[in-house]
Each structure stands twice: as C-alpha cells, then as structure tokens.
Amino acid sequence: MDRVQDEKKLSSHDDTFNPIFPSLHNVSEDSGPRNYVDAPSPIRLKADTSSDEALKHIRTANNISISPALLTSAKELFEKLYLTPQKAVKGDLRSTFANPTPVALLGFVLSCTPLACELMGWRGAGGNGAATIGSYYFFRLPWSPSADDAAGGFWFTLASTLTPFFNAYGAYASDPTKPYEGLVSEGFHASYGFFLLFMGFLSLLYLICALRTNLAFVTIFFGLFMTFVILTGSYWEIALDHASVAAKLQIASGAFAFLACLAGWWIFFAQMLASVDFPYQIPVGDISHLIRSGTERAQDKEGFSA
C-alpha cells in the first residue's frame, strides 16, 4: 500500500528531469511469477531527489541468473589466456603482474622456431642451435608447473651443453686442450641421445594429457614427441658413424619441431587477441568434451548407485 502511494506521489512531480527506473514487483516467495510487462508505471524522480531516496524505490532481485553459455565462454577465455583450468588461488598476483602465460609461449616459439630451421639446414644453417644459444637462457623464464618447467629445463640443458664453460663435450675429448673434439666423439652422442629419448617420453605423457585440452596443445606435444624421438635416432646414428642417415633424421626432426612451433605461434596469437578483447577471435580447437573427465564419471556412478 505504501509503495502504491509512493509511486503516485512521485509521479505527480514536474517533468523537468525524469530519469526512468524500472518499477519491479515485490520479489517475496509468495508473490507469484514476475510479470514485468504488466508492471506499474515507471518511477519518475525529480531533479533534486536525493540518491538515498531514489534507492529506496529501486529493488534488486534476490538472485541474478547467468546463462550457462556465458559461464562456459568465460571459462574458455580463462583457459585460453592462462592455459590452465580456472580455480581459486590465494592472493591477487594475476591482476598485479598481469598474465605471464604469453611470455612463456613467446619463449618457446622464439627458442624452438630458429632451432627447427637450423636442424633442417635452411639457408646453410647448422650447429645444432649453437648460434641461438642466448635465446635458450634468456627466453626460458618458468611461469607454471610441469609442462613449461620441463621445457625450460630442456633449453637450459641444451644451452649448458653448448657452452664451453660447462665442459659437457670437452669431457669426451681425447686431448684436454682440444675440447671441441668431444663434439664428434661416439660417447658424447650416444650419451646425449638418452636425454633426448626421455624428453620424448615426457612429451608423450603430455600428449596424452593434452587430449583433454585443445588441438593446438595436441599438435605441439605431438610435434615435440616426434622431434625428440627422431633426434635421438640421429645422435645414435652419429655415434655409429652413419653420418648420412643421421643427417636425414636431423632434417626430419626439424620438420616436426617446426610443426610444433606453428601450433605454438597460433595459440600465442589467440591469447594476444583474447587479452585485448579483440572483436575477432581464432579457435584453438577445444576437444575437452571428447573425453569425459574423471569427476563426471564419478558423479554418474554416484547418481546411478543412488
């Protein structure tokens, strides 16, 4: 009753300044379904109406309904930006220091792409990445656990192996005054091949896990898996003094590395577009729906048993 009187009172004011606010029904549980089409006339406020008085006539609903599509879109955007599922974390570092994920992707593509070209010998390149050793040190900044830490460890290992200070290949030289001879020794290539082999095994594990993410990730880890496995064969063929076979395997490994880099550039570009809210987005090939999660399977079992 008081509400009707208030509305009549306010509607009688002059129309010098009349911002319009929707007049909502009482949202109590027993008020029945809300019908905004047949709602009372809009409340018209006078220019000198105080903000407190105006707020008294504006009621908000008890619950705000957000469509599942909007929630799904926000979830996909978060995963595209951070390459990780959205979950509660302590602190506010993401908003303080911004999103570090593109930096890690940038480190990967700027380190791996030149190496892939060198492995394939484009324009006379070679040296197994020695010319770009600086990028292995300065672009491999760890940003998240597991996948990128392992990738960073690989690039630091490769950089250290190629750095004379660490004497990795010099230990295999017959003459200590000529450490470079270790680079062509059988023992060095046979030993380093095992490191590449288990990097390939690690990439295989990541590839299996990537089947729950997107096609871009699957392409990256498939390319890296093939790169490490074939490059292992190349090093072992060099150890057996099969230079021609080793050279062909090296070119093939570079081709698969280049494939992984293309996928890396693609997802990096997708992240940059999403970070600036660009009106056009590019897909990363979401395939998370193809393999149901363990949580969903457990919930189905619980619902079936109940």
Protein backbone atom coordinates (compact mmCIF):
# COMPACT_ATOMS: atom_id res chain seq x y z
CA MET A 1 0.00 0.00 0.00
CA ASP A 2 2.81 2.35 0.93
CA ARG A 3 4.52 1.51 -2.34
CA VAL A 4 1.48 2.50 -4.43
CA GLN A 5 1.22 5.78 -2.55
CA ASP A 6 4.91 6.45 -3.08
CA GLU A 7 4.55 5.84 -6.81
CA LYS A 8 1.54 8.18 -7.06
CA LYS A 9 3.38 10.80 -5.07
CA LEU A 10 6.48 10.62 -7.21
CA SER A 11 4.56 10.56 -10.47
CA SER A 12 2.90 13.87 -9.55
CA HIS A 13 6.22 15.77 -9.63
CA ASP A 14 7.03 18.01 -12.54
CA ASP A 15 8.88 16.63 -15.54
CA THR A 16 11.89 18.93 -15.55
CA PHE A 17 14.22 15.96 -15.02
CA ASN A 18 12.83 12.45 -15.28
CA PRO A 19 15.34 9.61 -15.40
CA ILE A 20 13.37 6.39 -15.63
CA PHE A 21 13.91 3.35 -13.43
CA PRO A 22 12.06 0.04 -13.87
CA SER A 23 9.42 -0.48 -11.23
CA LEU A 24 9.77 -4.06 -10.04
CA HIS A 25 7.19 -6.22 -8.30
CA ASN A 26 7.68 -7.41 -4.77
CA VAL A 27 10.08 -10.36 -5.07
CA SER A 28 8.89 -12.25 -2.00
CA GLU A 29 8.41 -16.01 -2.35
CA ASP A 30 4.59 -15.81 -2.27
CA SER A 31 4.28 -13.03 -4.81
CA GLY A 32 3.88 -15.44 -7.71
CA PRO A 33 5.60 -15.23 -11.08
CA ARG A 34 7.03 -11.85 -12.01
CA ASN A 35 5.44 -10.08 -14.95
CA TYR A 36 7.40 -7.01 -15.99
CA VAL A 37 5.14 -6.28 -18.92
CA ASP A 38 2.19 -5.54 -16.62
CA ALA A 39 4.33 -3.79 -14.01
CA PRO A 40 3.23 -0.41 -12.59
CA SER A 41 4.21 2.78 -14.35
CA PRO A 42 7.89 3.74 -14.24
CA ILE A 43 9.01 5.79 -11.28
CA ARG A 44 9.91 9.36 -12.25
CA LEU A 45 12.35 11.12 -9.98
CA LYS A 46 12.69 14.85 -9.58
CA ALA A 47 15.99 16.58 -10.22
CA ASP A 48 16.54 17.37 -6.55
CA THR A 49 15.67 13.87 -5.34
CA SER A 50 18.44 12.56 -3.11
CA SER A 51 20.25 9.39 -4.02
CA ASP A 52 19.16 7.68 -0.80
CA GLU A 53 15.51 8.39 -1.53
CA ALA A 54 15.88 7.16 -5.09
CA LEU A 55 17.48 3.89 -3.98
CA LYS A 56 14.54 3.20 -1.67
CA HIS A 57 12.33 2.82 -4.73
CA ILE A 58 14.67 0.52 -6.60
CA ARG A 59 14.60 -3.12 -5.56
CA THR A 60 17.02 -5.72 -6.84
CA ALA A 61 16.20 -9.35 -7.38
CA ASN A 62 17.28 -11.87 -4.76
CA ASN A 63 19.14 -13.92 -7.36
CA ILE A 64 20.99 -12.99 -10.53
CA SER A 65 20.70 -15.55 -13.31
CA ILE A 66 23.77 -16.03 -15.52
CA SER A 67 23.32 -18.19 -18.57
CA PRO A 68 25.42 -21.38 -18.83
CA ALA A 69 26.68 -20.17 -22.22
CA LEU A 70 28.14 -17.06 -20.60
CA LEU A 71 29.83 -19.10 -17.89
CA THR A 72 31.22 -21.50 -20.48
CA SER A 73 32.54 -18.60 -22.55
CA ALA A 74 34.26 -17.08 -19.51
CA LYS A 75 35.78 -20.45 -18.62
CA GLU A 76 37.10 -20.99 -22.15
CA LEU A 77 38.54 -17.46 -22.21
CA PHE A 78 40.36 -18.04 -18.91
CA GLU A 79 41.79 -21.34 -20.09
CA LYS A 80 42.86 -19.76 -23.39
CA LEU A 81 44.61 -16.92 -21.56
CA TYR A 82 46.28 -18.95 -18.80
CA LEU A 83 46.44 -22.42 -20.41
CA THR A 84 45.11 -23.84 -17.15
CA PRO A 85 41.65 -24.51 -15.73
CA GLN A 86 40.20 -21.70 -13.66
CA LYS A 87 40.42 -22.39 -9.94
CA ALA A 88 40.58 -20.49 -6.70
CA VAL A 89 44.05 -19.24 -5.79
CA LYS A 90 45.39 -17.19 -2.92
CA GLY A 91 46.45 -13.62 -3.48
CA ASP A 92 45.90 -11.34 -6.45
CA LEU A 93 49.11 -11.77 -8.43
CA ARG A 94 47.27 -12.23 -11.73
CA SER A 95 45.87 -8.72 -11.62
CA THR A 96 49.03 -7.26 -10.06
CA PHE A 97 51.60 -8.64 -12.51
CA ALA A 98 49.28 -9.45 -15.43
CA ASN A 99 49.09 -12.77 -17.26
CA PRO A 100 52.53 -14.43 -17.60
CA THR A 101 51.37 -17.18 -19.95
CA PRO A 102 52.09 -15.38 -23.27
CA VAL A 103 55.64 -14.73 -22.05
CA ALA A 104 56.20 -18.46 -21.66
CA LEU A 105 54.72 -19.20 -25.07
CA LEU A 106 56.84 -16.46 -26.58
CA GLY A 107 59.93 -18.03 -25.02
CA PHE A 108 59.01 -21.40 -26.51
CA VAL A 109 58.41 -20.19 -30.06
CA LEU A 110 61.39 -17.81 -30.14
CA SER A 111 63.69 -20.59 -28.91
CA CYS A 112 62.28 -23.52 -30.84
CA THR A 113 61.49 -21.95 -34.22
CA PRO A 114 65.10 -20.90 -35.02
CA LEU A 115 66.34 -24.28 -33.78
CA ALA A 116 63.89 -26.08 -36.08
CA CYS A 117 65.19 -24.07 -39.04
CA GLU A 118 68.78 -24.87 -38.05
CA LEU A 119 68.02 -28.59 -37.75
CA MET A 120 66.56 -28.55 -41.27
CA GLY A 121 69.62 -26.68 -42.55
CA TRP A 122 67.70 -23.83 -44.14
CA ARG A 123 69.98 -21.34 -45.93
CA GLY A 124 73.03 -23.26 -44.76
CA ALA A 125 72.14 -23.11 -41.03
CA GLY A 126 73.52 -25.72 -38.65
CA GLY A 127 75.44 -26.23 -35.44
CA ASN A 128 72.54 -27.79 -33.51
CA GLY A 129 71.43 -24.41 -32.18
CA ALA A 130 74.78 -23.00 -31.09
CA ALA A 131 74.15 -19.71 -32.94
CA THR A 132 70.98 -19.00 -30.92
CA ILE A 133 72.21 -20.18 -27.55
CA GLY A 134 71.40 -16.84 -25.96
CA SER A 135 67.66 -17.30 -26.51
CA TYR A 136 67.77 -20.57 -24.57
CA TYR A 137 68.99 -18.72 -21.50
CA PHE A 138 67.01 -15.51 -21.65
CA PHE A 139 63.64 -16.61 -23.05
CA ARG A 140 63.10 -19.63 -20.83
CA LEU A 141 61.52 -17.98 -17.79
CA PRO A 142 59.49 -20.54 -15.79
CA TRP A 143 55.89 -19.44 -15.30
CA SER A 144 53.85 -22.51 -14.34
CA PRO A 145 54.48 -26.01 -13.04
CA SER A 146 55.05 -29.16 -15.07
CA ALA A 147 54.97 -28.60 -18.84
CA ASP A 148 56.81 -25.30 -19.16
CA ASP A 149 59.21 -26.01 -16.33
CA ALA A 150 60.21 -29.18 -18.17
CA ALA A 151 60.58 -27.24 -21.43
CA GLY A 152 62.65 -24.61 -19.65
CA GLY A 153 64.83 -27.37 -18.21
CA PHE A 154 65.42 -28.74 -21.70
CA TRP A 155 66.51 -25.39 -23.11
CA PHE A 156 68.80 -24.68 -20.16
CA THR A 157 70.31 -28.15 -20.58
CA LEU A 158 70.87 -27.63 -24.29
CA ALA A 159 72.38 -24.19 -23.67
CA SER A 160 74.67 -25.53 -20.96
CA THR A 161 75.79 -28.40 -23.17
CA LEU A 162 76.76 -25.98 -25.93
CA THR A 163 78.53 -23.58 -23.51
CA PRO A 164 82.27 -24.34 -23.20
CA PHE A 165 82.29 -23.23 -19.55
CA PHE A 166 80.35 -26.36 -18.51
CA ASN A 167 82.76 -28.65 -20.41
CA ALA A 168 79.95 -31.06 -21.31
CA TYR A 169 81.52 -32.17 -24.59
CA GLY A 170 85.08 -31.41 -23.52
CA ALA A 171 84.94 -34.35 -21.11
CA TYR A 172 84.78 -36.67 -24.12
CA ALA A 173 87.80 -35.17 -25.90
CA SER A 174 90.95 -37.26 -26.01
CA ASP A 175 93.06 -34.11 -25.76
CA PRO A 176 92.04 -31.75 -22.89
CA THR A 177 93.48 -28.83 -24.82
CA LYS A 178 91.06 -29.53 -27.69
CA PRO A 179 87.62 -29.80 -26.03
CA TYR A 180 85.79 -29.33 -29.32
CA GLU A 181 86.89 -32.83 -30.35
CA GLY A 182 84.33 -34.15 -27.88
CA LEU A 183 81.54 -32.93 -30.15
CA VAL A 184 82.42 -35.62 -32.70
CA SER A 185 83.09 -38.41 -30.21
CA GLU A 186 80.99 -41.57 -30.07
CA GLY A 187 80.50 -41.38 -26.32
CA PHE A 188 79.11 -37.85 -26.33
CA HIS A 189 76.46 -38.53 -28.98
CA ALA A 190 75.43 -41.88 -27.52
CA SER A 191 75.09 -40.36 -24.06
CA TYR A 192 73.21 -37.22 -25.12
CA GLY A 193 70.79 -39.37 -27.08
CA PHE A 194 69.39 -40.80 -23.85
CA PHE A 195 68.46 -37.32 -22.63
CA LEU A 196 66.57 -36.68 -25.87
CA LEU A 197 64.91 -40.09 -25.62
CA PHE A 198 63.41 -39.39 -22.21
CA MET A 199 62.40 -35.90 -23.26
CA GLY A 200 60.42 -37.68 -25.95
CA PHE A 201 58.87 -39.96 -23.34
CA LEU A 202 57.88 -36.92 -21.28
CA SER A 203 56.36 -35.31 -24.37
CA LEU A 204 54.32 -38.47 -24.93
CA LEU A 205 52.86 -38.18 -21.43
CA TYR A 206 51.99 -34.55 -22.08
CA LEU A 207 50.47 -35.52 -25.43
CA ILE A 208 48.13 -37.99 -23.74
CA CYS A 209 47.09 -35.36 -21.18
CA ALA A 210 46.62 -32.79 -23.97
CA LEU A 211 43.78 -34.90 -25.37
CA ARG A 212 41.65 -33.27 -22.67
CA THR A 213 42.52 -29.72 -23.79
CA ASN A 214 42.65 -28.50 -27.39
CA LEU A 215 44.06 -29.32 -30.81
CA ALA A 216 46.77 -26.68 -30.55
CA PHE A 217 48.25 -28.36 -27.50
CA VAL A 218 47.93 -31.80 -29.11
CA THR A 219 49.83 -30.55 -32.16
CA ILE A 220 52.57 -29.00 -30.01
CA PHE A 221 53.24 -32.13 -27.96
CA PHE A 222 52.88 -34.48 -30.94
CA GLY A 223 55.45 -32.41 -32.81
CA LEU A 224 57.80 -32.36 -29.82
CA PHE A 225 57.39 -36.11 -29.25
CA MET A 226 58.35 -36.88 -32.84
CA THR A 227 61.17 -34.33 -32.71
CA PHE A 228 62.84 -35.86 -29.67
CA VAL A 229 62.40 -39.48 -30.81
CA ILE A 230 63.80 -38.85 -34.30
CA LEU A 231 66.59 -36.63 -32.96
CA THR A 232 67.55 -39.43 -30.58
CA GLY A 233 67.97 -41.70 -33.58
CA SER A 234 70.07 -39.05 -35.28
CA TYR A 235 72.50 -38.81 -32.38
CA TRP A 236 72.79 -42.56 -32.09
CA GLU A 237 73.42 -42.89 -35.82
CA ILE A 238 76.22 -40.33 -35.49
CA ALA A 239 77.67 -42.41 -32.68
CA LEU A 240 77.72 -45.37 -35.10
CA ASP A 241 79.40 -43.16 -37.72
CA HIS A 242 76.37 -43.24 -40.03
CA ALA A 243 76.56 -39.58 -40.98
CA SER A 244 74.23 -39.66 -43.99
CA VAL A 245 71.40 -41.38 -42.11
CA ALA A 246 71.90 -39.07 -39.13
CA ALA A 247 71.63 -36.01 -41.38
CA LYS A 248 68.30 -37.19 -42.83
CA LEU A 249 66.92 -37.91 -39.36
CA GLN A 250 68.02 -34.48 -38.20
CA ILE A 251 66.11 -32.80 -41.04
CA ALA A 252 63.01 -34.84 -40.21
CA SER A 253 63.24 -33.88 -36.54
CA GLY A 254 63.50 -30.23 -37.53
CA ALA A 255 60.33 -30.55 -39.62
CA PHE A 256 58.33 -31.89 -36.67
CA ALA A 257 59.78 -29.20 -34.42
CA PHE A 258 58.64 -26.60 -36.93
CA LEU A 259 55.14 -28.12 -36.83
CA ALA A 260 55.09 -27.74 -33.04
CA CYS A 261 56.24 -24.14 -33.41
CA LEU A 262 53.45 -23.31 -35.83
CA ALA A 263 50.91 -24.52 -33.27
CA GLY A 264 52.73 -22.51 -30.61
CA TRP A 265 52.55 -19.33 -32.69
CA TRP A 266 48.86 -19.99 -33.32
CA ILE A 267 47.91 -20.31 -29.64
CA PHE A 268 50.13 -17.35 -28.78
CA PHE A 269 48.27 -15.22 -31.33
CA ALA A 270 44.94 -16.47 -29.93
CA GLN A 271 46.00 -15.41 -26.45
CA MET A 272 47.06 -11.97 -27.57
CA LEU A 273 43.74 -11.39 -29.32
CA ALA A 274 41.83 -12.52 -26.24
CA SER A 275 43.96 -10.40 -23.90
CA VAL A 276 42.99 -7.16 -25.67
CA ASP A 277 39.35 -8.23 -26.18
CA PHE A 278 39.79 -8.13 -29.94
CA PRO A 279 36.42 -8.37 -31.74
CA TYR A 280 37.60 -11.36 -33.77
CA GLN A 281 38.96 -14.48 -32.09
CA ILE A 282 40.64 -17.53 -33.58
CA PRO A 283 39.78 -21.03 -32.32
CA VAL A 284 42.29 -23.31 -30.61
CA GLY A 285 40.23 -26.44 -31.28
CA ASP A 286 38.63 -27.29 -27.97
CA ILE A 287 38.36 -31.09 -27.62
CA SER A 288 37.82 -31.29 -23.86
CA HIS A 289 34.33 -32.70 -24.46
CA LEU A 290 35.58 -35.75 -26.36
CA ILE A 291 36.98 -37.49 -23.29
CA ARG A 292 34.84 -37.21 -20.20
CA SER A 293 36.59 -36.19 -17.02
CA GLY A 294 37.06 -38.47 -14.03
CA THR A 295 34.86 -36.17 -11.96
CA GLU A 296 31.96 -36.54 -14.39
CA ARG A 297 32.35 -40.30 -14.44
CA ALA A 298 32.37 -40.42 -10.64
CA GLN A 299 29.24 -38.28 -10.48
CA ASP A 300 27.49 -40.59 -12.93
CA LYS A 301 28.39 -43.61 -10.80
CA GLU A 302 27.09 -41.89 -7.68
CA GLY A 303 23.87 -40.94 -9.42
CA PHE A 304 23.42 -44.50 -10.76
CA SER A 305 24.04 -46.10 -7.34
CA ALA A 306 21.61 -43.65 -5.69
